All heavy atoms as atom14 arrays in JSON, in Angstrom:
{
  "sequence": "LFLTALTSCEYFEKQKVSSEEILSEETRELNWQEVDQYPAFEE",
  "atom14_mask": [
    [1, 1, 1, 1, 1, 1, 1, 1, 0, 0, 0, 0, 0, 0],
    [1, 1, 1, 1, 1, 1, 1, 1, 1, 1, 1, 0, 0, 0],
    [1, 1, 1, 1, 1, 1, 1, 1, 0, 0, 0, 0, 0, 0],
    [1, 1, 1, 1, 1, 1, 1, 0, 0, 0, 0, 0, 0, 0],
    [1, 1, 1, 1, 1, 0, 0, 0, 0, 0, 0, 0, 0, 0],
    [1, 1, 1, 1, 1, 1, 1, 1, 0, 0, 0, 0, 0, 0],
    [1, 1, 1, 1, 1, 1, 1, 0, 0, 0, 0, 0, 0, 0],
    [1, 1, 1, 1, 1, 1, 0, 0, 0, 0, 0, 0, 0, 0],
    [1, 1, 1, 1, 1, 1, 0, 0, 0, 0, 0, 0, 0, 0],
    [1, 1, 1, 1, 1, 1, 1, 1, 1, 0, 0, 0, 0, 0],
    [1, 1, 1, 1, 1, 1, 1, 1, 1, 1, 1, 1, 0, 0],
    [1, 1, 1, 1, 1, 1, 1, 1, 1, 1, 1, 0, 0, 0],
    [1, 1, 1, 1, 1, 1, 1, 1, 1, 0, 0, 0, 0, 0],
    [1, 1, 1, 1, 1, 1, 1, 1, 1, 0, 0, 0, 0, 0],
    [1, 1, 1, 1, 1, 1, 1, 1, 1, 0, 0, 0, 0, 0],
    [1, 1, 1, 1, 1, 1, 1, 1, 1, 0, 0, 0, 0, 0],
    [1, 1, 1, 1, 1, 1, 1, 0, 0, 0, 0, 0, 0, 0],
    [1, 1, 1, 1, 1, 1, 0, 0, 0, 0, 0, 0, 0, 0],
    [1, 1, 1, 1, 1, 1, 0, 0, 0, 0, 0, 0, 0, 0],
    [1, 1, 1, 1, 1, 1, 1, 1, 1, 0, 0, 0, 0, 0],
    [1, 1, 1, 1, 1, 1, 1, 1, 1, 0, 0, 0, 0, 0],
    [1, 1, 1, 1, 1, 1, 1, 1, 0, 0, 0, 0, 0, 0],
    [1, 1, 1, 1, 1, 1, 1, 1, 0, 0, 0, 0, 0, 0],
    [1, 1, 1, 1, 1, 1, 0, 0, 0, 0, 0, 0, 0, 0],
    [1, 1, 1, 1, 1, 1, 1, 1, 1, 0, 0, 0, 0, 0],
    [1, 1, 1, 1, 1, 1, 1, 1, 1, 0, 0, 0, 0, 0],
    [1, 1, 1, 1, 1, 1, 1, 0, 0, 0, 0, 0, 0, 0],
    [1, 1, 1, 1, 1, 1, 1, 1, 1, 1, 1, 0, 0, 0],
    [1, 1, 1, 1, 1, 1, 1, 1, 1, 0, 0, 0, 0, 0],
    [1, 1, 1, 1, 1, 1, 1, 1, 0, 0, 0, 0, 0, 0],
    [1, 1, 1, 1, 1, 1, 1, 1, 0, 0, 0, 0, 0, 0],
    [1, 1, 1, 1, 1, 1, 1, 1, 1, 1, 1, 1, 1, 1],
    [1, 1, 1, 1, 1, 1, 1, 1, 1, 0, 0, 0, 0, 0],
    [1, 1, 1, 1, 1, 1, 1, 1, 1, 0, 0, 0, 0, 0],
    [1, 1, 1, 1, 1, 1, 1, 0, 0, 0, 0, 0, 0, 0],
    [1, 1, 1, 1, 1, 1, 1, 1, 0, 0, 0, 0, 0, 0],
    [1, 1, 1, 1, 1, 1, 1, 1, 1, 0, 0, 0, 0, 0],
    [1, 1, 1, 1, 1, 1, 1, 1, 1, 1, 1, 1, 0, 0],
    [1, 1, 1, 1, 1, 1, 1, 0, 0, 0, 0, 0, 0, 0],
    [1, 1, 1, 1, 1, 0, 0, 0, 0, 0, 0, 0, 0, 0],
    [1, 1, 1, 1, 1, 1, 1, 1, 1, 1, 1, 0, 0, 0],
    [1, 1, 1, 1, 1, 1, 1, 1, 1, 0, 0, 0, 0, 0],
    [1, 1, 1, 1, 1, 1, 1, 1, 1, 0, 0, 0, 0, 0]
  ],
  "atom14_positions": [
    [[-41.65, 14.7, 15.68], [-40.88, 15.58, 14.82], [-39.57, 15.98, 15.48], [-38.52, 16.01, 14.83], [-41.72, 16.84, 14.51], [-41.5, 17.42, 13.13], [-42.13, 16.54, 12.1], [-42.03, 18.81, 13.07], [0.0, 0.0, 0.0], [0.0, 0.0, 0.0], [0.0, 0.0, 0.0], [0.0, 0.0, 0.0], [0.0, 0.0, 0.0], [0.0, 0.0, 0.0]],
    [[-39.64, 16.29, 16.76], [-38.44, 16.67, 17.51], [-37.45, 15.5, 17.58], [-36.25, 15.68, 17.35], [-38.84, 17.15, 18.92], [-37.67, 17.57, 19.75], [-36.96, 18.72, 19.44], [-37.26, 16.8, 20.83], [-35.88, 19.11, 20.2], [-36.17, 17.18, 21.59], [-35.48, 18.34, 21.28], [0.0, 0.0, 0.0], [0.0, 0.0, 0.0], [0.0, 0.0, 0.0]],
    [[-37.91, 14.29, 17.85], [-37.04, 13.11, 17.92], [-36.44, 12.79, 16.55], [-35.28, 12.42, 16.43], [-37.82, 11.91, 18.47], [-38.17, 11.98, 19.96], [-39.03, 10.8, 20.35], [-36.92, 12.02, 20.8], [0.0, 0.0, 0.0], [0.0, 0.0, 0.0], [0.0, 0.0, 0.0], [0.0, 0.0, 0.0], [0.0, 0.0, 0.0], [0.0, 0.0, 0.0]],
    [[-37.23, 12.95, 15.5], [-36.74, 12.71, 14.15], [-35.64, 13.71, 13.8], [-34.63, 13.36, 13.21], [-37.9, 12.83, 13.14], [-38.95, 11.96, 13.54], [-37.46, 12.46, 11.75], [0.0, 0.0, 0.0], [0.0, 0.0, 0.0], [0.0, 0.0, 0.0], [0.0, 0.0, 0.0], [0.0, 0.0, 0.0], [0.0, 0.0, 0.0], [0.0, 0.0, 0.0]],
    [[-35.84, 14.94, 14.18], [-34.85, 15.98, 13.91], [-33.55, 15.69, 14.65], [-32.46, 15.9, 14.11], [-35.39, 17.35, 14.3], [0.0, 0.0, 0.0], [0.0, 0.0, 0.0], [0.0, 0.0, 0.0], [0.0, 0.0, 0.0], [0.0, 0.0, 0.0], [0.0, 0.0, 0.0], [0.0, 0.0, 0.0], [0.0, 0.0, 0.0], [0.0, 0.0, 0.0]],
    [[-33.63, 15.2, 15.86], [-32.42, 14.88, 16.63], [-31.65, 13.73, 16.02], [-30.43, 13.75, 15.95], [-32.78, 14.55, 18.08], [-33.11, 15.72, 18.99], [-33.51, 15.21, 20.38], [-31.94, 16.65, 19.1], [0.0, 0.0, 0.0], [0.0, 0.0, 0.0], [0.0, 0.0, 0.0], [0.0, 0.0, 0.0], [0.0, 0.0, 0.0], [0.0, 0.0, 0.0]],
    [[-32.36, 12.71, 15.56], [-31.67, 11.54, 15.0], [-31.17, 11.8, 13.59], [-30.23, 11.18, 13.14], [-32.59, 10.31, 15.0], [-33.77, 10.62, 14.28], [-32.92, 9.88, 16.41], [0.0, 0.0, 0.0], [0.0, 0.0, 0.0], [0.0, 0.0, 0.0], [0.0, 0.0, 0.0], [0.0, 0.0, 0.0], [0.0, 0.0, 0.0], [0.0, 0.0, 0.0]],
    [[-31.79, 12.71, 12.87], [-31.37, 12.98, 11.49], [-30.23, 13.98, 11.41], [-29.76, 14.26, 10.33], [-32.56, 13.45, 10.67], [-33.01, 14.69, 11.15], [0.0, 0.0, 0.0], [0.0, 0.0, 0.0], [0.0, 0.0, 0.0], [0.0, 0.0, 0.0], [0.0, 0.0, 0.0], [0.0, 0.0, 0.0], [0.0, 0.0, 0.0], [0.0, 0.0, 0.0]],
    [[-29.78, 14.49, 12.5], [-28.66, 15.44, 12.48], [-27.38, 14.78, 11.98], [-26.47, 15.45, 11.53], [-28.43, 16.03, 13.86], [-29.67, 17.26, 14.29], [0.0, 0.0, 0.0], [0.0, 0.0, 0.0], [0.0, 0.0, 0.0], [0.0, 0.0, 0.0], [0.0, 0.0, 0.0], [0.0, 0.0, 0.0], [0.0, 0.0, 0.0], [0.0, 0.0, 0.0]],
    [[-27.33, 13.46, 12.05], [-26.14, 12.75, 11.57], [-25.94, 12.97, 10.07], [-24.84, 12.91, 9.57], [-26.29, 11.26, 11.85], [-26.27, 10.93, 13.32], [-26.56, 9.45, 13.58], [-26.54, 8.65, 12.61], [-26.79, 9.12, 14.73], [0.0, 0.0, 0.0], [0.0, 0.0, 0.0], [0.0, 0.0, 0.0], [0.0, 0.0, 0.0], [0.0, 0.0, 0.0]],
    [[-27.04, 13.22, 9.34], [-26.93, 13.44, 7.91], [-26.21, 14.74, 7.57], [-25.7, 14.91, 6.48], [-28.31, 13.45, 7.25], [-29.01, 12.12, 7.33], [-30.18, 11.97, 8.06], [-28.49, 11.0, 6.68], [-30.83, 10.76, 8.14], [-29.13, 9.78, 6.75], [-30.3, 9.66, 7.48], [-30.93, 8.46, 7.55], [0.0, 0.0, 0.0], [0.0, 0.0, 0.0]],
    [[-26.18, 15.65, 8.5], [-25.56, 16.94, 8.26], [-24.12, 17.02, 8.72], [-23.47, 18.02, 8.53], [-26.38, 18.05, 8.94], [-27.77, 18.14, 8.4], [-28.86, 17.76, 9.17], [-28.0, 18.59, 7.11], [-30.14, 17.84, 8.68], [-29.27, 18.67, 6.61], [-30.36, 18.29, 7.39], [0.0, 0.0, 0.0], [0.0, 0.0, 0.0], [0.0, 0.0, 0.0]],
    [[-23.63, 15.96, 9.34], [-22.24, 15.96, 9.8], [-21.31, 15.89, 8.59], [-21.58, 15.17, 7.63], [-21.97, 14.77, 10.72], [-22.55, 14.93, 12.09], [-22.18, 13.76, 12.99], [-21.17, 13.08, 12.71], [-22.88, 13.55, 13.96], [0.0, 0.0, 0.0], [0.0, 0.0, 0.0], [0.0, 0.0, 0.0], [0.0, 0.0, 0.0], [0.0, 0.0, 0.0]],
    [[-20.23, 16.6, 8.65], [-19.24, 16.57, 7.57], [-18.22, 15.49, 7.88], [-17.79, 15.34, 9.01], [-18.54, 17.92, 7.46], [-19.42, 19.0, 6.94], [-18.63, 20.26, 6.73], [-19.53, 21.35, 6.22], [-18.81, 22.59, 6.01], [0.0, 0.0, 0.0], [0.0, 0.0, 0.0], [0.0, 0.0, 0.0], [0.0, 0.0, 0.0], [0.0, 0.0, 0.0]],
    [[-17.86, 14.77, 6.83], [-16.84, 13.76, 6.99], [-15.49, 14.4, 6.75], [-15.29, 15.11, 5.77], [-17.04, 12.65, 5.95], [-17.26, 11.32, 6.54], [-17.36, 10.27, 5.43], [-17.28, 10.57, 4.27], [-17.51, 9.05, 5.84], [0.0, 0.0, 0.0], [0.0, 0.0, 0.0], [0.0, 0.0, 0.0], [0.0, 0.0, 0.0], [0.0, 0.0, 0.0]],
    [[-14.57, 14.17, 7.65], [-13.23, 14.71, 7.47], [-12.4, 13.69, 6.69], [-12.41, 12.51, 6.98], [-12.58, 14.97, 8.83], [-13.25, 16.1, 9.59], [-12.5, 16.4, 10.86], [-13.17, 17.54, 11.59], [-12.47, 17.87, 12.82], [0.0, 0.0, 0.0], [0.0, 0.0, 0.0], [0.0, 0.0, 0.0], [0.0, 0.0, 0.0], [0.0, 0.0, 0.0]],
    [[-11.68, 14.19, 5.68], [-10.83, 13.34, 4.85], [-9.4, 13.8, 5.06], [-9.09, 14.98, 4.89], [-11.23, 13.44, 3.36], [-10.35, 12.55, 2.52], [-12.69, 13.09, 3.17], [0.0, 0.0, 0.0], [0.0, 0.0, 0.0], [0.0, 0.0, 0.0], [0.0, 0.0, 0.0], [0.0, 0.0, 0.0], [0.0, 0.0, 0.0], [0.0, 0.0, 0.0]],
    [[-8.55, 12.87, 5.39], [-7.16, 13.24, 5.65], [-6.42, 13.47, 4.34], [-6.8, 12.97, 3.28], [-6.46, 12.16, 6.47], [-6.25, 11.01, 5.67], [0.0, 0.0, 0.0], [0.0, 0.0, 0.0], [0.0, 0.0, 0.0], [0.0, 0.0, 0.0], [0.0, 0.0, 0.0], [0.0, 0.0, 0.0], [0.0, 0.0, 0.0], [0.0, 0.0, 0.0]],
    [[-5.34, 14.21, 4.41], [-4.54, 14.48, 3.22], [-3.9, 13.2, 2.69], [-3.69, 13.05, 1.49], [-3.47, 15.53, 3.52], [-2.64, 15.1, 4.57], [0.0, 0.0, 0.0], [0.0, 0.0, 0.0], [0.0, 0.0, 0.0], [0.0, 0.0, 0.0], [0.0, 0.0, 0.0], [0.0, 0.0, 0.0], [0.0, 0.0, 0.0], [0.0, 0.0, 0.0]],
    [[-3.62, 12.24, 3.59], [-3.05, 10.96, 3.16], [-4.05, 10.2, 2.3], [-3.68, 9.57, 1.3], [-2.65, 10.1, 4.37], [-1.42, 10.59, 5.11], [-1.75, 11.68, 6.12], [-2.92, 11.82, 6.52], [-0.82, 12.42, 6.49], [0.0, 0.0, 0.0], [0.0, 0.0, 0.0], [0.0, 0.0, 0.0], [0.0, 0.0, 0.0], [0.0, 0.0, 0.0]],
    [[-5.35, 10.26, 2.67], [-6.37, 9.57, 1.88], [-6.51, 10.22, 0.5], [-6.65, 9.52, -0.51], [-7.72, 9.61, 2.6], [-7.77, 8.72, 3.81], [-9.1, 8.85, 4.57], [-10.08, 9.35, 3.98], [-9.13, 8.45, 5.73], [0.0, 0.0, 0.0], [0.0, 0.0, 0.0], [0.0, 0.0, 0.0], [0.0, 0.0, 0.0], [0.0, 0.0, 0.0]],
    [[-6.44, 11.54, 0.45], [-6.53, 12.24, -0.83], [-5.33, 11.88, -1.71], [-5.48, 11.57, -2.89], [-6.61, 13.77, -0.62], [-7.92, 14.13, 0.07], [-6.47, 14.51, -1.95], [-8.0, 15.57, 0.51], [0.0, 0.0, 0.0], [0.0, 0.0, 0.0], [0.0, 0.0, 0.0], [0.0, 0.0, 0.0], [0.0, 0.0, 0.0], [0.0, 0.0, 0.0]],
    [[-4.14, 11.88, -1.13], [-2.93, 11.53, -1.88], [-3.0, 10.1, -2.38], [-2.67, 9.81, -3.52], [-1.69, 11.73, -1.0], [-0.36, 11.36, -1.63], [-0.09, 12.25, -2.85], [0.77, 11.49, -0.64], [0.0, 0.0, 0.0], [0.0, 0.0, 0.0], [0.0, 0.0, 0.0], [0.0, 0.0, 0.0], [0.0, 0.0, 0.0], [0.0, 0.0, 0.0]],
    [[-3.47, 9.2, -1.54], [-3.58, 7.8, -1.92], [-4.55, 7.63, -3.09], [-4.27, 6.89, -4.04], [-4.05, 6.98, -0.72], [-4.26, 5.65, -1.09], [0.0, 0.0, 0.0], [0.0, 0.0, 0.0], [0.0, 0.0, 0.0], [0.0, 0.0, 0.0], [0.0, 0.0, 0.0], [0.0, 0.0, 0.0], [0.0, 0.0, 0.0], [0.0, 0.0, 0.0]],
    [[-5.66, 8.31, -3.04], [-6.66, 8.25, -4.11], [-6.08, 8.83, -5.41], [-6.25, 8.25, -6.47], [-7.92, 9.02, -3.7], [-9.03, 8.97, -4.71], [-9.65, 7.6, -4.87], [-9.6, 6.8, -3.91], [-10.17, 7.33, -5.96], [0.0, 0.0, 0.0], [0.0, 0.0, 0.0], [0.0, 0.0, 0.0], [0.0, 0.0, 0.0], [0.0, 0.0, 0.0]],
    [[-5.41, 9.95, -5.33], [-4.81, 10.57, -6.51], [-3.76, 9.66, -7.13], [-3.66, 9.53, -8.34], [-4.15, 11.91, -6.13], [-5.12, 13.04, -5.93], [-5.65, 13.58, -7.24], [-4.88, 13.75, -8.19], [-6.86, 13.83, -7.29], [0.0, 0.0, 0.0], [0.0, 0.0, 0.0], [0.0, 0.0, 0.0], [0.0, 0.0, 0.0], [0.0, 0.0, 0.0]],
    [[-2.95, 9.03, -6.29], [-1.89, 8.15, -6.76], [-2.47, 6.95, -7.51], [-1.93, 6.53, -8.53], [-1.03, 7.67, -5.58], [-0.5, 8.82, -4.92], [0.13, 6.81, -6.04], [0.0, 0.0, 0.0], [0.0, 0.0, 0.0], [0.0, 0.0, 0.0], [0.0, 0.0, 0.0], [0.0, 0.0, 0.0], [0.0, 0.0, 0.0], [0.0, 0.0, 0.0]],
    [[-3.57, 6.42, -7.03], [-4.21, 5.28, -7.7], [-4.78, 5.7, -9.05], [-4.78, 4.91, -9.99], [-5.34, 4.71, -6.83], [-4.85, 3.78, -5.76], [-6.02, 3.02, -5.17], [-7.04, 3.91, -4.61], [-7.14, 4.24, -3.34], [-6.3, 3.77, -2.47], [-8.1, 5.06, -2.93], [0.0, 0.0, 0.0], [0.0, 0.0, 0.0], [0.0, 0.0, 0.0]],
    [[-5.26, 6.92, -9.17], [-5.9, 7.37, -10.39], [-4.93, 7.87, -11.45], [-5.28, 7.93, -12.62], [-6.91, 8.48, -10.07], [-8.12, 7.98, -9.31], [-9.08, 9.1, -8.94], [-8.88, 10.24, -9.36], [-10.04, 8.8, -8.22], [0.0, 0.0, 0.0], [0.0, 0.0, 0.0], [0.0, 0.0, 0.0], [0.0, 0.0, 0.0], [0.0, 0.0, 0.0]],
    [[-3.7, 8.22, -11.08], [-2.74, 8.73, -12.05], [-2.25, 7.62, -12.96], [-2.02, 6.5, -12.54], [-1.52, 9.32, -11.33], [-1.67, 10.72, -10.77], [-0.4, 11.12, -10.04], [-1.99, 11.72, -11.83], [0.0, 0.0, 0.0], [0.0, 0.0, 0.0], [0.0, 0.0, 0.0], [0.0, 0.0, 0.0], [0.0, 0.0, 0.0], [0.0, 0.0, 0.0]],
    [[-2.06, 7.95, -14.23], [-1.46, 7.02, -15.18], [0.05, 7.28, -15.18], [0.52, 8.24, -15.78], [-2.04, 7.23, -16.58], [-1.48, 6.27, -17.58], [-0.55, 5.51, -17.31], [-2.04, 6.28, -18.78], [0.0, 0.0, 0.0], [0.0, 0.0, 0.0], [0.0, 0.0, 0.0], [0.0, 0.0, 0.0], [0.0, 0.0, 0.0], [0.0, 0.0, 0.0]],
    [[0.78, 6.42, -14.51], [2.22, 6.62, -14.36], [3.0, 6.24, -15.6], [4.21, 6.43, -15.67], [2.73, 5.86, -13.14], [2.24, 6.47, -11.88], [1.26, 6.02, -11.06], [2.7, 7.69, -11.28], [1.06, 6.87, -10.0], [1.94, 7.91, -10.11], [3.67, 8.63, -11.63], [2.13, 9.0, -9.29], [3.84, 9.72, -10.8], [3.09, 9.89, -9.66]],
    [[2.33, 5.69, -16.62], [3.02, 5.32, -17.85], [3.09, 6.48, -18.83], [3.76, 6.39, -19.84], [2.3, 4.13, -18.51], [2.25, 2.89, -17.63], [3.61, 2.44, -17.15], [4.56, 2.36, -17.93], [3.73, 2.17, -15.87], [0.0, 0.0, 0.0], [0.0, 0.0, 0.0], [0.0, 0.0, 0.0], [0.0, 0.0, 0.0], [0.0, 0.0, 0.0]],
    [[2.39, 7.56, -18.54], [2.41, 8.73, -19.4], [2.89, 9.95, -18.63], [2.69, 10.04, -17.43], [1.0, 9.01, -19.94], [0.49, 7.95, -20.87], [-0.9, 8.25, -21.39], [-1.37, 9.39, -21.2], [-1.51, 7.35, -21.97], [0.0, 0.0, 0.0], [0.0, 0.0, 0.0], [0.0, 0.0, 0.0], [0.0, 0.0, 0.0], [0.0, 0.0, 0.0]],
    [[3.51, 10.86, -19.35], [3.98, 12.1, -18.73], [3.13, 13.26, -19.24], [2.52, 13.17, -20.31], [5.48, 12.35, -19.03], [6.34, 11.31, -18.36], [5.75, 12.41, -20.51], [0.0, 0.0, 0.0], [0.0, 0.0, 0.0], [0.0, 0.0, 0.0], [0.0, 0.0, 0.0], [0.0, 0.0, 0.0], [0.0, 0.0, 0.0], [0.0, 0.0, 0.0]],
    [[3.1, 14.33, -18.49], [2.37, 15.53, -18.92], [3.18, 16.3, -19.95], [2.64, 16.91, -20.85], [2.08, 16.43, -17.72], [1.16, 15.76, -16.72], [0.4, 14.85, -17.1], [1.2, 16.16, -15.54], [0.0, 0.0, 0.0], [0.0, 0.0, 0.0], [0.0, 0.0, 0.0], [0.0, 0.0, 0.0], [0.0, 0.0, 0.0], [0.0, 0.0, 0.0]],
    [[4.5, 16.28, -19.79], [5.39, 17.0, -20.69], [6.6, 16.12, -20.98], [7.24, 15.61, -20.06], [5.83, 18.3, -20.03], [6.45, 19.28, -20.96], [6.66, 20.62, -20.28], [6.94, 20.68, -19.09], [6.52, 21.69, -21.03], [0.0, 0.0, 0.0], [0.0, 0.0, 0.0], [0.0, 0.0, 0.0], [0.0, 0.0, 0.0], [0.0, 0.0, 0.0]],
    [[6.89, 15.91, -22.27], [8.01, 15.07, -22.68], [9.34, 15.79, -22.47], [9.37, 17.02, -22.41], [7.86, 14.67, -24.15], [6.87, 13.55, -24.34], [5.55, 13.83, -24.64], [7.24, 12.23, -24.18], [4.63, 12.81, -24.78], [6.33, 11.21, -24.32], [5.03, 11.51, -24.62], [4.12, 10.5, -24.76], [0.0, 0.0, 0.0], [0.0, 0.0, 0.0]],
    [[10.43, 15.02, -22.41], [11.74, 15.69, -22.36], [11.89, 16.53, -23.63], [11.3, 16.2, -24.66], [12.76, 14.55, -22.33], [12.01, 13.29, -22.4], [10.55, 13.59, -22.45], [0.0, 0.0, 0.0], [0.0, 0.0, 0.0], [0.0, 0.0, 0.0], [0.0, 0.0, 0.0], [0.0, 0.0, 0.0], [0.0, 0.0, 0.0], [0.0, 0.0, 0.0]],
    [[12.67, 17.57, -23.55], [12.77, 18.46, -24.7], [14.13, 19.14, -24.77], [14.77, 19.39, -23.76], [11.68, 19.53, -24.62], [0.0, 0.0, 0.0], [0.0, 0.0, 0.0], [0.0, 0.0, 0.0], [0.0, 0.0, 0.0], [0.0, 0.0, 0.0], [0.0, 0.0, 0.0], [0.0, 0.0, 0.0], [0.0, 0.0, 0.0], [0.0, 0.0, 0.0]],
    [[14.53, 19.42, -26.0], [15.65, 20.3, -26.25], [15.1, 21.72, -26.27], [13.88, 21.92, -26.33], [16.32, 19.97, -27.58], [16.97, 18.61, -27.6], [16.37, 17.54, -28.24], [18.18, 18.41, -26.95], [16.96, 16.3, -28.24], [18.77, 17.16, -26.94], [18.17, 16.1, -27.6], [0.0, 0.0, 0.0], [0.0, 0.0, 0.0], [0.0, 0.0, 0.0]],
    [[15.94, 22.7, -26.26], [15.51, 24.1, -26.2], [14.49, 24.42, -27.31], [13.47, 25.05, -27.04], [16.72, 25.03, -26.31], [16.39, 26.49, -26.12], [15.88, 26.82, -24.72], [16.44, 26.32, -23.74], [14.91, 27.59, -24.63], [0.0, 0.0, 0.0], [0.0, 0.0, 0.0], [0.0, 0.0, 0.0], [0.0, 0.0, 0.0], [0.0, 0.0, 0.0]],
    [[14.76, 23.97, -28.53], [13.87, 24.32, -29.65], [12.53, 23.57, -29.63], [11.63, 23.92, -30.4], [14.57, 24.12, -31.0], [15.17, 22.76, -31.22], [16.61, 22.63, -30.72], [17.07, 23.5, -29.99], [17.24, 21.65, -31.07], [0.0, 0.0, 0.0], [0.0, 0.0, 0.0], [0.0, 0.0, 0.0], [0.0, 0.0, 0.0], [0.0, 0.0, 0.0]]
  ]
}
């Protein structure tokens, strides 16, 4: 039980994700052919 607990601690480690990886993922998922807000005149 003690040996199993020592080897299974790897499951509890947190993976660090860099901001570059997050940005890269977001960029791939964005639809660059559409805009959130169209150009507009005042009215």
